[in-house]
Amino acid sequence: MHVTIAYALPHEQLLEELNIPDETTVEQAIHMSHMLEKHVEIDLSTHKVGIFSKLVKLDQPLREGDRIEIYRSLPATPRSAHAADDKKARIRAKRERRGKEKSE
């Protein structure tokens, strides 16, 4: 059975084509590709994986022609980081208001 393993770096997309036995799982195929040895930053306990952009579990059996994608964590954009900071500030202000109301 023929499958492809894909892992995208910021400026490069890595594709590894494999011939694997039937009944191979996503995790087994990733190990067979040696992608984990080549890219030590990949941690299957935290990185999500998918087949053709659909999230799957590591024990998912593969089918002929599947493309396994290893998703890396994306850095927070300045806008989303700013929004998170704003939300924390609102929560903190709300707690402070509640504290003042209780003490009065």
PDB file of N, CA and C in Angstrom:
ATOM      1  N   MET A   1       0.859  -1.168   0.000  1.00  0.00           N
ATOM      2  CA  MET A   1       0.000   0.000   0.000  1.00  0.00           C
ATOM      3  C   MET A   1       0.905   1.230   0.000  1.00  0.00           C
ATOM      4  N   HIS A   2       0.513   2.221  -0.759  1.00  0.00           N
ATOM      5  CA  HIS A   2       1.320   3.440  -0.912  1.00  0.00           C
ATOM      6  C   HIS A   2       0.650   4.593  -0.159  1.00  0.00           C
ATOM      7  N   VAL A   3       1.436   5.290   0.715  1.00  0.00           N
ATOM      8  CA  VAL A   3       0.955   6.473   1.435  1.00  0.00           C
ATOM      9  C   VAL A   3       2.044   7.541   1.404  1.00  0.00           C
ATOM     10  N   THR A   4       1.654   8.757   1.774  1.00  0.00           N
ATOM     11  CA  THR A   4       2.589   9.879   1.844  1.00  0.00           C
ATOM     12  C   THR A   4       2.508  10.489   3.232  1.00  0.00           C
ATOM     13  N   ILE A   5       3.675  10.870   3.775  1.00  0.00           N
ATOM     14  CA  ILE A   5       3.754  11.579   5.054  1.00  0.00           C
ATOM     15  C   ILE A   5       4.152  13.010   4.729  1.00  0.00           C
ATOM     16  N   ALA A   6       3.408  13.990   5.243  1.00  0.00           N
ATOM     17  CA  ALA A   6       3.698  15.407   4.983  1.00  0.00           C
ATOM     18  C   ALA A   6       3.930  16.134   6.297  1.00  0.00           C
ATOM     19  N   TYR A   7       4.964  16.977   6.295  1.00  0.00           N
ATOM     20  CA  TYR A   7       5.267  17.835   7.445  1.00  0.00           C
ATOM     21  C   TYR A   7       5.748  19.157   6.880  1.00  0.00           C
ATOM     22  N   ALA A   8       5.088  20.236   7.266  1.00  0.00           N
ATOM     23  CA  ALA A   8       5.417  21.548   6.713  1.00  0.00           C
ATOM     24  C   ALA A   8       6.153  22.400   7.731  1.00  0.00           C
ATOM     25  N   LEU A   9       7.298  22.895   7.307  1.00  0.00           N
ATOM     26  CA  LEU A   9       8.062  23.864   8.077  1.00  0.00           C
ATOM     27  C   LEU A   9       7.724  25.249   7.542  1.00  0.00           C
ATOM     28  N   PRO A  10       8.134  26.326   8.190  1.00  0.00           N
ATOM     29  CA  PRO A  10       7.762  27.654   7.711  1.00  0.00           C
ATOM     30  C   PRO A  10       8.119  27.932   6.242  1.00  0.00           C
ATOM     31  N   HIS A  11       9.252  27.425   5.779  1.00  0.00           N
ATOM     32  CA  HIS A  11       9.671  27.730   4.408  1.00  0.00           C
ATOM     33  C   HIS A  11       9.908  26.478   3.572  1.00  0.00           C
ATOM     34  N   GLU A  12       9.386  25.349   4.017  1.00  0.00           N
ATOM     35  CA  GLU A  12       9.653  24.105   3.322  1.00  0.00           C
ATOM     36  C   GLU A  12       8.582  23.082   3.654  1.00  0.00           C
ATOM     37  N   GLN A  13       8.169  22.314   2.638  1.00  0.00           N
ATOM     38  CA  GLN A  13       7.233  21.221   2.869  1.00  0.00           C
ATOM     39  C   GLN A  13       7.969  19.916   2.620  1.00  0.00           C
ATOM     40  N   LEU A  14       7.912  19.025   3.585  1.00  0.00           N
ATOM     41  CA  LEU A  14       8.599  17.739   3.472  1.00  0.00           C
ATOM     42  C   LEU A  14       7.583  16.654   3.168  1.00  0.00           C
ATOM     43  N   LEU A  15       7.852  15.881   2.138  1.00  0.00           N
ATOM     44  CA  LEU A  15       6.985  14.768   1.758  1.00  0.00           C
ATOM     45  C   LEU A  15       7.813  13.499   1.712  1.00  0.00           C
ATOM     46  N   GLU A  16       7.308  12.463   2.310  1.00  0.00           N
ATOM     47  CA  GLU A  16       7.977  11.165   2.322  1.00  0.00           C
ATOM     48  C   GLU A  16       6.969  10.145   1.813  1.00  0.00           C
ATOM     49  N   GLU A  17       7.293   9.484   0.732  1.00  0.00           N
ATOM     50  CA  GLU A  17       6.397   8.463   0.180  1.00  0.00           C
ATOM     51  C   GLU A  17       6.851   7.097   0.670  1.00  0.00           C
ATOM     52  N   LEU A  18       5.878   6.279   1.073  1.00  0.00           N
ATOM     53  CA  LEU A  18       6.180   4.965   1.645  1.00  0.00           C
ATOM     54  C   LEU A  18       5.315   3.883   1.036  1.00  0.00           C
ATOM     55  N   ASN A  19       5.873   2.705   0.958  1.00  0.00           N
ATOM     56  CA  ASN A  19       5.096   1.499   0.683  1.00  0.00           C
ATOM     57  C   ASN A  19       5.033   0.751   1.999  1.00  0.00           C
ATOM     58  N   ILE A  20       3.825   0.558   2.506  1.00  0.00           N
ATOM     59  CA  ILE A  20       3.639  -0.032   3.826  1.00  0.00           C
ATOM     60  C   ILE A  20       2.701  -1.237   3.734  1.00  0.00           C
ATOM     61  N   PRO A  21       2.744  -2.110   4.724  1.00  0.00           N
ATOM     62  CA  PRO A  21       1.815  -3.252   4.736  1.00  0.00           C
ATOM     63  C   PRO A  21       0.375  -2.797   4.997  1.00  0.00           C
ATOM     64  N   ASP A  22      -0.563  -3.606   4.570  1.00  0.00           N
ATOM     65  CA  ASP A  22      -1.970  -3.346   4.890  1.00  0.00           C
ATOM     66  C   ASP A  22      -2.144  -3.368   6.407  1.00  0.00           C
ATOM     67  N   GLU A  23      -3.180  -2.694   6.892  1.00  0.00           N
ATOM     68  CA  GLU A  23      -3.500  -2.615   8.322  1.00  0.00           C
ATOM     69  C   GLU A  23      -2.498  -1.790   9.114  1.00  0.00           C
ATOM     70  N   THR A  24      -1.642  -1.010   8.463  1.00  0.00           N
ATOM     71  CA  THR A  24      -0.713  -0.130   9.170  1.00  0.00           C
ATOM     72  C   THR A  24      -1.487   1.075   9.689  1.00  0.00           C
ATOM     73  N   THR A  25      -1.151   1.520  10.903  1.00  0.00           N
ATOM     74  CA  THR A  25      -1.808   2.682  11.494  1.00  0.00           C
ATOM     75  C   THR A  25      -1.023   3.953  11.157  1.00  0.00           C
ATOM     76  N   VAL A  26      -1.635   5.081  11.446  1.00  0.00           N
ATOM     77  CA  VAL A  26      -0.997   6.378  11.225  1.00  0.00           C
ATOM     78  C   VAL A  26       0.320   6.447  11.985  1.00  0.00           C
ATOM     79  N   GLU A  27       0.300   6.093  13.256  1.00  0.00           N
ATOM     80  CA  GLU A  27       1.515   6.174  14.075  1.00  0.00           C
ATOM     81  C   GLU A  27       2.611   5.253  13.549  1.00  0.00           C
ATOM     82  N   GLN A  28       2.254   4.037  13.160  1.00  0.00           N
ATOM     83  CA  GLN A  28       3.246   3.108  12.630  1.00  0.00           C
ATOM     84  C   GLN A  28       3.889   3.650  11.354  1.00  0.00           C
ATOM     85  N   ALA A  29       3.076   4.232  10.485  1.00  0.00           N
ATOM     86  CA  ALA A  29       3.603   4.785   9.234  1.00  0.00           C
ATOM     87  C   ALA A  29       4.545   5.956   9.494  1.00  0.00           C
ATOM     88  N   ILE A  30       4.201   6.798  10.467  1.00  0.00           N
ATOM     89  CA  ILE A  30       5.081   7.929  10.800  1.00  0.00           C
ATOM     90  C   ILE A  30       6.430   7.408  11.293  1.00  0.00           C
ATOM     91  N   HIS A  31       6.394   6.384  12.137  1.00  0.00           N
ATOM     92  CA  HIS A  31       7.652   5.804  12.619  1.00  0.00           C
ATOM     93  C   HIS A  31       8.442   5.175  11.467  1.00  0.00           C
ATOM     94  N   MET A  32       7.760   4.514  10.543  1.00  0.00           N
ATOM     95  CA  MET A  32       8.430   3.892   9.397  1.00  0.00           C
ATOM     96  C   MET A  32       9.104   4.928   8.493  1.00  0.00           C
ATOM     97  N   SER A  33       8.559   6.138   8.482  1.00  0.00           N
ATOM     98  CA  SER A  33       9.103   7.186   7.611  1.00  0.00           C
ATOM     99  C   SER A  33      10.387   7.798   8.166  1.00  0.00           C
ATOM    100  N   HIS A  34      10.686   7.560   9.433  1.00  0.00           N
ATOM    101  CA  HIS A  34      11.845   8.149  10.123  1.00  0.00           C
ATOM    102  C   HIS A  34      11.741   9.670  10.220  1.00  0.00           C
ATOM    103  N   MET A  35      10.540  10.203  10.065  1.00  0.00           N
ATOM    104  CA  MET A  35      10.323  11.647  10.173  1.00  0.00           C
ATOM    105  C   MET A  35      10.628  12.132  11.592  1.00  0.00           C
ATOM    106  N   LEU A  36      10.354  11.301  12.580  1.00  0.00           N
ATOM    107  CA  LEU A  36      10.600  11.693  13.973  1.00  0.00           C
ATOM    108  C   LEU A  36      12.096  11.804  14.274  1.00  0.00           C
ATOM    109  N   GLU A  37      12.894  10.980  13.647  1.00  0.00           N
ATOM    110  CA  GLU A  37      14.348  11.063  13.841  1.00  0.00           C
ATOM    111  C   GLU A  37      14.930  12.265  13.110  1.00  0.00           C
ATOM    112  N   LYS A  38      14.390  12.574  11.949  1.00  0.00           N
ATOM    113  CA  LYS A  38      14.887  13.703  11.157  1.00  0.00           C
ATOM    114  C   LYS A  38      14.476  15.044  11.760  1.00  0.00           C
ATOM    115  N   HIS A  39      13.332  15.074  12.426  1.00  0.00           N
ATOM    116  CA  HIS A  39      12.791  16.319  12.986  1.00  0.00           C
ATOM    117  C   HIS A  39      12.398  16.060  14.438  1.00  0.00           C
ATOM    118  N   VAL A  40      13.373  16.241  15.307  1.00  0.00           N
ATOM    119  CA  VAL A  40      13.175  15.910  16.720  1.00  0.00           C
ATOM    120  C   VAL A  40      12.148  16.810  17.409  1.00  0.00           C
ATOM    121  N   GLU A  41      11.777  17.928  16.789  1.00  0.00           N
ATOM    122  CA  GLU A  41      10.778  18.820  17.385  1.00  0.00           C
ATOM    123  C   GLU A  41       9.370  18.230  17.309  1.00  0.00           C
ATOM    124  N   ILE A  42       9.178  17.190  16.494  1.00  0.00           N
ATOM    125  CA  ILE A  42       7.863  16.562  16.383  1.00  0.00           C
ATOM    126  C   ILE A  42       7.630  15.686  17.605  1.00  0.00           C
ATOM    127  N   ASP A  43       6.525  15.952  18.285  1.00  0.00           N
ATOM    128  CA  ASP A  43       6.142  15.165  19.453  1.00  0.00           C
ATOM    129  C   ASP A  43       4.701  14.709  19.225  1.00  0.00           C
ATOM    130  N   LEU A  44       4.530  13.429  18.938  1.00  0.00           N
ATOM    131  CA  LEU A  44       3.196  12.935  18.603  1.00  0.00           C
ATOM    132  C   LEU A  44       2.221  13.010  19.770  1.00  0.00           C
ATOM    133  N   SER A  45       2.715  13.229  20.981  1.00  0.00           N
ATOM    134  CA  SER A  45       1.795  13.378  22.108  1.00  0.00           C
ATOM    135  C   SER A  45       1.172  14.772  22.130  1.00  0.00           C
ATOM    136  N   THR A  46       1.795  15.733  21.436  1.00  0.00           N
ATOM    137  CA  THR A  46       1.242  17.097  21.411  1.00  0.00           C
ATOM    138  C   THR A  46       0.865  17.564  20.007  1.00  0.00           C
ATOM    139  N   HIS A  47       1.588  17.112  18.987  1.00  0.00           N
ATOM    140  CA  HIS A  47       1.276  17.513  17.615  1.00  0.00           C
ATOM    141  C   HIS A  47       0.069  16.720  17.117  1.00  0.00           C
ATOM    142  N   LYS A  48      -0.813  17.399  16.452  1.00  0.00           N
ATOM    143  CA  LYS A  48      -1.974  16.734  15.890  1.00  0.00           C
ATOM    144  C   LYS A  48      -1.602  16.173  14.520  1.00  0.00           C
ATOM    145  N   VAL A  49      -2.340  15.156  14.096  1.00  0.00           N
ATOM    146  CA  VAL A  49      -2.119  14.557  12.783  1.00  0.00           C
ATOM    147  C   VAL A  49      -3.457  14.439  12.075  1.00  0.00           C
ATOM    148  N   GLY A  50      -3.383  14.388  10.750  1.00  0.00           N
ATOM    149  CA  GLY A  50      -4.590  14.256   9.960  1.00  0.00           C
ATOM    150  C   GLY A  50      -4.328  13.502   8.687  1.00  0.00           C
ATOM    151  N   ILE A  51      -5.412  13.152   8.030  1.00  0.00           N
ATOM    152  CA  ILE A  51      -5.353  12.559   6.696  1.00  0.00           C
ATOM    153  C   ILE A  51      -6.164  13.468   5.797  1.00  0.00           C
ATOM    154  N   PHE A  52      -5.501  14.031   4.805  1.00  0.00           N
ATOM    155  CA  PHE A  52      -6.137  14.982   3.887  1.00  0.00           C
ATOM    156  C   PHE A  52      -6.916  16.063   4.650  1.00  0.00           C
ATOM    157  N   SER A  53      -6.267  16.715   5.598  1.00  0.00           N
ATOM    158  CA  SER A  53      -6.785  17.854   6.368  1.00  0.00           C
ATOM    159  C   SER A  53      -7.887  17.501   7.363  1.00  0.00           C
ATOM    160  N   LYS A  54      -8.132  16.239   7.601  1.00  0.00           N
ATOM    161  CA  LYS A  54      -9.123  15.837   8.595  1.00  0.00           C
ATOM    162  C   LYS A  54      -8.376  15.200   9.763  1.00  0.00           C
ATOM    163  N   LEU A  55      -8.565  15.753  10.975  1.00  0.00           N
ATOM    164  CA  LEU A  55      -7.885  15.222  12.148  1.00  0.00           C
ATOM    165  C   LEU A  55      -8.243  13.760  12.383  1.00  0.00           C
ATOM    166  N   VAL A  56      -7.218  12.963  12.703  1.00  0.00           N
ATOM    167  CA  VAL A  56      -7.423  11.548  13.002  1.00  0.00           C
ATOM    168  C   VAL A  56      -6.601  11.175  14.227  1.00  0.00           C
ATOM    169  N   LYS A  57      -6.920  10.044  14.809  1.00  0.00           N
ATOM    170  CA  LYS A  57      -6.148   9.522  15.931  1.00  0.00           C
ATOM    171  C   LYS A  57      -4.981   8.707  15.386  1.00  0.00           C
ATOM    172  N   LEU A  58      -3.978   8.524  16.230  1.00  0.00           N
ATOM    173  CA  LEU A  58      -2.777   7.813  15.801  1.00  0.00           C
ATOM    174  C   LEU A  58      -3.041   6.342  15.491  1.00  0.00           C
ATOM    175  N   ASP A  59      -4.107   5.768  16.051  1.00  0.00           N
ATOM    176  CA  ASP A  59      -4.394   4.355  15.801  1.00  0.00           C
ATOM    177  C   ASP A  59      -5.308   4.129  14.591  1.00  0.00           C
ATOM    178  N   GLN A  60      -5.553   5.194  13.831  1.00  0.00           N
ATOM    179  CA  GLN A  60      -6.386   5.112  12.622  1.00  0.00           C
ATOM    180  C   GLN A  60      -5.692   4.221  11.582  1.00  0.00           C
ATOM    181  N   PRO A  61      -6.370   3.179  11.074  1.00  0.00           N
ATOM    182  CA  PRO A  61      -5.771   2.372  10.005  1.00  0.00           C
ATOM    183  C   PRO A  61      -5.736   3.176   8.701  1.00  0.00           C
ATOM    184  N   LEU A  62      -4.723   2.921   7.907  1.00  0.00           N
ATOM    185  CA  LEU A  62      -4.548   3.668   6.658  1.00  0.00           C
ATOM    186  C   LEU A  62      -5.147   2.928   5.475  1.00  0.00           C
ATOM    187  N   ARG A  63      -5.429   3.718   4.421  1.00  0.00           N
ATOM    188  CA  ARG A  63      -5.919   3.157   3.163  1.00  0.00           C
ATOM    189  C   ARG A  63      -4.976   3.576   2.045  1.00  0.00           C
ATOM    190  N   GLU A  64      -5.033   2.870   0.970  1.00  0.00           N
ATOM    191  CA  GLU A  64      -4.198   3.159  -0.197  1.00  0.00           C
ATOM    192  C   GLU A  64      -4.329   4.626  -0.599  1.00  0.00           C
ATOM    193  N   GLY A  65      -3.178   5.288  -0.762  1.00  0.00           N
ATOM    194  CA  GLY A  65      -3.159   6.664  -1.244  1.00  0.00           C
ATOM    195  C   GLY A  65      -3.332   7.740  -0.186  1.00  0.00           C
ATOM    196  N   ASP A  66      -3.506   7.362   1.072  1.00  0.00           N
ATOM    197  CA  ASP A  66      -3.680   8.369   2.133  1.00  0.00           C
ATOM    198  C   ASP A  66      -2.453   9.270   2.233  1.00  0.00           C
ATOM    199  N   ARG A  67      -2.710  10.531   2.584  1.00  0.00           N
ATOM    200  CA  ARG A  67      -1.624  11.476   2.879  1.00  0.00           C
ATOM    201  C   ARG A  67      -1.747  11.856   4.343  1.00  0.00           C
ATOM    202  N   ILE A  68      -0.778  11.401   5.133  1.00  0.00           N
ATOM    203  CA  ILE A  68      -0.748  11.699   6.560  1.00  0.00           C
ATOM    204  C   ILE A  68      -0.073  13.049   6.726  1.00  0.00           C
ATOM    205  N   GLU A  69      -0.707  13.938   7.462  1.00  0.00           N
ATOM    206  CA  GLU A  69      -0.155  15.274   7.692  1.00  0.00           C
ATOM    207  C   GLU A  69       0.138  15.444   9.168  1.00  0.00           C
ATOM    208  N   ILE A  70       1.357  15.860   9.462  1.00  0.00           N
ATOM    209  CA  ILE A  70       1.758  16.147  10.848  1.00  0.00           C
ATOM    210  C   ILE A  70       1.678  17.659  11.004  1.00  0.00           C
ATOM    211  N   TYR A  71       0.824  18.114  11.904  1.00  0.00           N
ATOM    212  CA  TYR A  71       0.602  19.548  12.076  1.00  0.00           C
ATOM    213  C   TYR A  71       1.498  20.084  13.190  1.00  0.00           C
ATOM    214  N   ARG A  72       2.172  21.166  12.909  1.00  0.00           N
ATOM    215  CA  ARG A  72       3.007  21.791  13.933  1.00  0.00           C
ATOM    216  C   ARG A  72       2.214  22.920  14.584  1.00  0.00           C
ATOM    217  N   SER A  73       2.612  23.291  15.769  1.00  0.00           N
ATOM    218  CA  SER A  73       1.968  24.392  16.469  1.00  0.00           C
ATOM    219  C   SER A  73       2.327  25.694  15.787  1.00  0.00           C
ATOM    220  N   LEU A  74       1.348  26.533  15.604  1.00  0.00           N
ATOM    221  CA  LEU A  74       1.605  27.835  15.003  1.00  0.00           C
ATOM    222  C   LEU A  74       1.807  28.865  16.094  1.00  0.00           C
ATOM    223  N   PRO A  75       2.726  29.782  15.885  1.00  0.00           N
ATOM    224  CA  PRO A  75       2.923  30.830  16.894  1.00  0.00           C
ATOM    225  C   PRO A  75       1.692  31.727  16.962  1.00  0.00           C
ATOM    226  N   ALA A  76       1.456  32.279  18.120  1.00  0.00           N
ATOM    227  CA  ALA A  76       0.331  33.194  18.285  1.00  0.00           C
ATOM    228  C   ALA A  76       0.574  34.445  17.455  1.00  0.00           C
ATOM    229  N   THR A  77      -0.439  34.865  16.741  1.00  0.00           N
ATOM    230  CA  THR A  77      -0.312  36.094  15.972  1.00  0.00           C
ATOM    231  C   THR A  77      -0.389  37.268  16.939  1.00  0.00           C
ATOM    232  N   PRO A  78       0.201  38.393  16.595  1.00  0.00           N
ATOM    233  CA  PRO A  78       0.122  39.546  17.500  1.00  0.00           C
ATOM    234  C   PRO A  78      -1.323  39.905  17.851  1.00  0.00           C
ATOM    235  N   ARG A  79      -2.213  39.769  16.877  1.00  0.00           N
ATOM    236  CA  ARG A  79      -3.604  40.133  17.135  1.00  0.00           C
ATOM    237  C   ARG A  79      -4.249  39.198  18.151  1.00  0.00           C
ATOM    238  N   SER A  80      -4.044  37.885  17.988  1.00  0.00           N
ATOM    239  CA  SER A  80      -4.660  36.944  18.931  1.00  0.00           C
ATOM    240  C   SER A  80      -3.990  37.032  20.303  1.00  0.00           C
ATOM    241  N   ALA A  81      -2.694  37.284  20.344  1.00  0.00           N
ATOM    242  CA  ALA A  81      -2.003  37.456  21.620  1.00  0.00           C
ATOM    243  C   ALA A  81      -2.533  38.700  22.332  1.00  0.00           C
ATOM    244  N   HIS A  82      -2.772  39.756  21.568  1.00  0.00           N
ATOM    245  CA  HIS A  82      -3.314  40.997  22.118  1.00  0.00           C
ATOM    246  C   HIS A  82      -4.720  40.755  22.666  1.00  0.00           C
ATOM    247  N   ALA A  83      -5.525  40.009  21.929  1.00  0.00           N
ATOM    248  CA  ALA A  83      -6.888  39.712  22.370  1.00  0.00           C
ATOM    249  C   ALA A  83      -6.868  38.913  23.668  1.00  0.00           C
ATOM    250  N   ALA A  84      -5.946  37.961  23.787  1.00  0.00           N
ATOM    251  CA  ALA A  84      -5.834  37.168  25.008  1.00  0.00           C
ATOM    252  C   ALA A  84      -5.436  38.057  26.189  1.00  0.00           C
ATOM    253  N   ASP A  85      -4.509  38.971  25.963  1.00  0.00           N
ATOM    254  CA  ASP A  85      -4.098  39.897  27.021  1.00  0.00           C
ATOM    255  C   ASP A  85      -5.264  40.791  27.445  1.00  0.00           C
ATOM    256  N   ASP A  86      -6.033  41.265  26.470  1.00  0.00           N
ATOM    257  CA  ASP A  86      -7.197  42.101  26.781  1.00  0.00           C
ATOM    258  C   ASP A  86      -8.216  41.339  27.613  1.00  0.00           C
ATOM    259  N   LYS A  87      -8.447  40.079  27.266  1.00  0.00           N
ATOM    260  CA  LYS A  87      -9.419  39.274  28.009  1.00  0.00           C
ATOM    261  C   LYS A  87      -8.953  39.077  29.449  1.00  0.00           C
ATOM    262  N   LYS A  88      -7.656  38.790  29.631  1.00  0.00           N
ATOM    263  CA  LYS A  88      -7.120  38.628  30.984  1.00  0.00           C
ATOM    264  C   LYS A  88      -7.286  39.919  31.787  1.00  0.00           C
ATOM    265  N   ALA A  89      -7.054  41.057  31.150  1.00  0.00           N
ATOM    266  CA  ALA A  89      -7.192  42.347  31.835  1.00  0.00           C
ATOM    267  C   ALA A  89      -8.646  42.584  32.244  1.00  0.00           C
ATOM    268  N   ARG A  90      -9.599  42.229  31.381  1.00  0.00           N
ATOM    269  CA  ARG A  90     -11.021  42.392  31.710  1.00  0.00           C
ATOM    270  C   ARG A  90     -11.411  41.506  32.896  1.00  0.00           C
ATOM    271  N   ILE A  91     -10.913  40.271  32.901  1.00  0.00           N
ATOM    272  CA  ILE A  91     -11.222  39.350  33.994  1.00  0.00           C
ATOM    273  C   ILE A  91     -10.635  39.874  35.303  1.00  0.00           C
ATOM    274  N   ARG A  92      -9.387  40.359  35.241  1.00  0.00           N
ATOM    275  CA  ARG A  92      -8.729  40.899  36.429  1.00  0.00           C
ATOM    276  C   ARG A  92      -9.502  42.104  36.967  1.00  0.00           C
ATOM    277  N   ALA A  93      -9.941  43.008  36.083  1.00  0.00           N
ATOM    278  CA  ALA A  93     -10.693  44.199  36.494  1.00  0.00           C
ATOM    279  C   ALA A  93     -12.029  43.803  37.123  1.00  0.00           C
ATOM    280  N   LYS A  94     -12.675  42.777  36.556  1.00  0.00           N
ATOM    281  CA  LYS A  94     -13.953  42.326  37.082  1.00  0.00           C
ATOM    282  C   LYS A  94     -13.777  41.755  38.498  1.00  0.00           C
ATOM    283  N   ARG A  95     -12.705  40.986  38.700  1.00  0.00           N
ATOM    284  CA  ARG A  95     -12.424  40.432  40.034  1.00  0.00           C
ATOM    285  C   ARG A  95     -12.147  41.540  41.039  1.00  0.00           C
ATOM    286  N   GLU A  96     -11.414  42.544  40.600  1.00  0.00           N
ATOM    287  CA  GLU A  96     -11.104  43.666  41.497  1.00  0.00           C
ATOM    288  C   GLU A  96     -12.385  44.404  41.885  1.00  0.00           C
ATOM    289  N   ARG A  97     -13.298  44.606  40.935  1.00  0.00           N
ATOM    290  CA  ARG A  97     -14.571  45.277  41.240  1.00  0.00           C
ATOM    291  C   ARG A  97     -15.376  44.461  42.249  1.00  0.00           C
ATOM    292  N   ARG A  98     -15.402  43.153  42.052  1.00  0.00           N
ATOM    293  CA  ARG A  98     -16.133  42.274  42.984  1.00  0.00           C
ATOM    294  C   ARG A  98     -15.527  42.341  44.377  1.00  0.00           C
ATOM    295  N   GLY A  99     -14.193  42.377  44.428  1.00  0.00           N
ATOM    296  CA  GLY A  99     -13.500  42.450  45.720  1.00  0.00           C
ATOM    297  C   GLY A  99     -13.839  43.732  46.447  1.00  0.00           C
ATOM    298  N   LYS A 100     -13.915  44.859  45.727  1.00  0.00           N
ATOM    299  CA  LYS A 100     -14.240  46.144  46.347  1.00  0.00           C
ATOM    300  C   LYS A 100     -15.690  46.145  46.837  1.00  0.00           C
ATOM    301  N   GLU A 101     -16.607  45.538  46.059  1.00  0.00           N
ATOM    302  CA  GLU A 101     -18.012  45.516  46.456  1.00  0.00           C
ATOM    303  C   GLU A 101     -18.206  44.700  47.734  1.00  0.00           C
ATOM    304  N   LYS A 102     -17.458  43.603  47.871  1.00  0.00           N
ATOM    305  CA  LYS A 102     -17.585  42.752  49.050  1.00  0.00           C
ATOM    306  C   LYS A 102     -17.042  43.434  50.292  1.00  0.00           C
ATOM    307  N   SER A 103     -15.998  44.247  50.133  1.00  0.00           N
ATOM    308  CA  SER A 103     -15.370  44.881  51.292  1.00  0.00           C
ATOM    309  C   SER A 103     -16.164  46.102  51.771  1.00  0.00           C
ATOM    310  N   GLU A 104     -17.096  46.582  50.978  1.00  0.00           N
ATOM    311  CA  GLU A 104     -17.870  47.781  51.378  1.00  0.00           C
ATOM    312  C   GLU A 104     -19.050  47.459  52.228  1.00  0.00           C
TER     313      GLU A 104
END
